[in-house]
Amino acid sequence: MFVVSTFFDLFVSIGKPMAAVPMLFAVVTLLSGALGAVAARFYSEPMNRLLRKHSSRGDLGSVLDEHRPALTTADSPV
């Protein structure tokens, strides 16, 4: 959205030239993809690795297991 907002503001400030819309669309799409790739590589994936590393220790537990009653044979659907 940073790229879209920035380029839309630029588009409006230069008088909304309709001939530039296809170029605007292409530039916004390419820059958004590039910014997304950079964010994924340097923020999202390192954070995912860190979270997976900490959660694989088994010390986080599961909220679902603590609050879900165990099923018995009488509770199971037929």
C-alpha atoms as a PDB file:
ATOM      1  CA  MET A   1       0.000   0.000   0.000  1.00  0.00           C
ATOM      2  CA  PHE A   2       2.956   2.348   0.503  1.00  0.00           C
ATOM      3  CA  VAL A   3       3.816   2.079  -3.177  1.00  0.00           C
ATOM      4  CA  VAL A   4       0.193   2.402  -4.322  1.00  0.00           C
ATOM      5  CA  SER A   5      -0.483   5.454  -2.138  1.00  0.00           C
ATOM      6  CA  THR A   6       2.733   7.176  -3.132  1.00  0.00           C
ATOM      7  CA  PHE A   7       2.258   6.700  -6.850  1.00  0.00           C
ATOM      8  CA  PHE A   8      -1.444   7.546  -6.724  1.00  0.00           C
ATOM      9  CA  ASP A   9      -0.629  10.830  -4.974  1.00  0.00           C
ATOM     10  CA  LEU A  10       2.001  11.533  -7.637  1.00  0.00           C
ATOM     11  CA  PHE A  11      -0.521  10.690 -10.373  1.00  0.00           C
ATOM     12  CA  VAL A  12      -3.086  13.111  -8.921  1.00  0.00           C
ATOM     13  CA  SER A  13      -0.502  15.859  -8.368  1.00  0.00           C
ATOM     14  CA  ILE A  14       0.561  15.831 -12.029  1.00  0.00           C
ATOM     15  CA  GLY A  15      -3.022  16.266 -13.216  1.00  0.00           C
ATOM     16  CA  LYS A  16      -4.303  12.690 -13.653  1.00  0.00           C
ATOM     17  CA  PRO A  17      -3.028  12.065 -17.190  1.00  0.00           C
ATOM     18  CA  MET A  18      -5.157   9.118 -18.335  1.00  0.00           C
ATOM     19  CA  ALA A  19      -2.548   8.080 -20.907  1.00  0.00           C
ATOM     20  CA  ALA A  20      -0.184   7.305 -18.012  1.00  0.00           C
ATOM     21  CA  VAL A  21      -2.549   4.837 -16.295  1.00  0.00           C
ATOM     22  CA  PRO A  22      -1.111   1.681 -17.942  1.00  0.00           C
ATOM     23  CA  MET A  23       2.434   2.779 -17.038  1.00  0.00           C
ATOM     24  CA  LEU A  24       1.305   3.659 -13.522  1.00  0.00           C
ATOM     25  CA  PHE A  25      -0.262   0.216 -13.137  1.00  0.00           C
ATOM     26  CA  ALA A  26       2.884  -1.533 -14.379  1.00  0.00           C
ATOM     27  CA  VAL A  27       5.236   0.489 -12.178  1.00  0.00           C
ATOM     28  CA  VAL A  28       3.078   0.055  -9.067  1.00  0.00           C
ATOM     29  CA  THR A  29       2.758  -3.695  -9.676  1.00  0.00           C
ATOM     30  CA  LEU A  30       6.501  -4.200 -10.200  1.00  0.00           C
ATOM     31  CA  LEU A  31       7.576  -2.026  -7.271  1.00  0.00           C
ATOM     32  CA  SER A  32       5.017  -3.631  -4.947  1.00  0.00           C
ATOM     33  CA  GLY A  33       6.289  -7.074  -5.894  1.00  0.00           C
ATOM     34  CA  ALA A  34       9.902  -6.033  -5.364  1.00  0.00           C
ATOM     35  CA  LEU A  35       9.143  -4.450  -1.995  1.00  0.00           C
ATOM     36  CA  GLY A  36       7.206  -7.572  -0.991  1.00  0.00           C
ATOM     37  CA  ALA A  37      10.124  -9.804  -1.962  1.00  0.00           C
ATOM     38  CA  VAL A  38      12.543  -7.672   0.075  1.00  0.00           C
ATOM     39  CA  ALA A  39      10.213  -7.729   3.095  1.00  0.00           C
ATOM     40  CA  ALA A  40       9.802 -11.495   2.800  1.00  0.00           C
ATOM     41  CA  ARG A  41      13.521 -12.156   2.495  1.00  0.00           C
ATOM     42  CA  PHE A  42      14.799  -9.858   5.210  1.00  0.00           C
ATOM     43  CA  TYR A  43      11.896  -9.773   7.682  1.00  0.00           C
ATOM     44  CA  SER A  44       9.207 -12.435   7.238  1.00  0.00           C
ATOM     45  CA  GLU A  45      11.359 -15.492   6.612  1.00  0.00           C
ATOM     46  CA  PRO A  46      13.928 -14.728   9.342  1.00  0.00           C
ATOM     47  CA  MET A  47      11.033 -14.167  11.763  1.00  0.00           C
ATOM     48  CA  ASN A  48       9.405 -17.448  10.680  1.00  0.00           C
ATOM     49  CA  ARG A  49      12.674 -19.322  11.263  1.00  0.00           C
ATOM     50  CA  LEU A  50      13.040 -17.750  14.698  1.00  0.00           C
ATOM     51  CA  LEU A  51       9.468 -18.595  15.688  1.00  0.00           C
ATOM     52  CA  ARG A  52       9.760 -22.160  14.399  1.00  0.00           C
ATOM     53  CA  LYS A  53      13.040 -22.606  16.274  1.00  0.00           C
ATOM     54  CA  HIS A  54      11.468 -21.490  19.544  1.00  0.00           C
ATOM     55  CA  SER A  55       8.255 -23.448  19.039  1.00  0.00           C
ATOM     56  CA  SER A  56      10.109 -26.678  18.218  1.00  0.00           C
ATOM     57  CA  ARG A  57      11.444 -26.813  21.761  1.00  0.00           C
ATOM     58  CA  GLY A  58       8.006 -27.902  22.920  1.00  0.00           C
ATOM     59  CA  ASP A  59       7.842 -25.383  25.756  1.00  0.00           C
ATOM     60  CA  LEU A  60       5.035 -23.318  24.206  1.00  0.00           C
ATOM     61  CA  GLY A  61       2.323 -25.955  24.593  1.00  0.00           C
ATOM     62  CA  SER A  62      -1.065 -25.710  22.993  1.00  0.00           C
ATOM     63  CA  VAL A  63      -4.034 -23.763  24.236  1.00  0.00           C
ATOM     64  CA  LEU A  64      -6.368 -26.156  22.439  1.00  0.00           C
ATOM     65  CA  ASP A  65      -5.040 -29.224  24.243  1.00  0.00           C
ATOM     66  CA  GLU A  66      -5.423 -27.582  27.634  1.00  0.00           C
ATOM     67  CA  HIS A  67      -9.072 -26.586  27.169  1.00  0.00           C
ATOM     68  CA  ARG A  68     -10.469 -29.349  24.977  1.00  0.00           C
ATOM     69  CA  PRO A  69     -12.071 -32.213  26.862  1.00  0.00           C
ATOM     70  CA  ALA A  70     -10.887 -35.666  25.914  1.00  0.00           C
ATOM     71  CA  LEU A  71     -13.277 -37.644  23.735  1.00  0.00           C
ATOM     72  CA  THR A  72     -14.601 -40.874  25.096  1.00  0.00           C
ATOM     73  CA  THR A  73     -16.218 -43.675  23.120  1.00  0.00           C
ATOM     74  CA  ALA A  74     -19.644 -42.463  24.275  1.00  0.00           C
ATOM     75  CA  ASP A  75     -18.946 -38.997  22.792  1.00  0.00           C
ATOM     76  CA  SER A  76     -17.787 -40.179  19.373  1.00  0.00           C
ATOM     77  CA  PRO A  77     -20.246 -39.922  16.484  1.00  0.00           C
ATOM     78  CA  VAL A  78     -21.679 -43.127  15.121  1.00  0.00           C
END
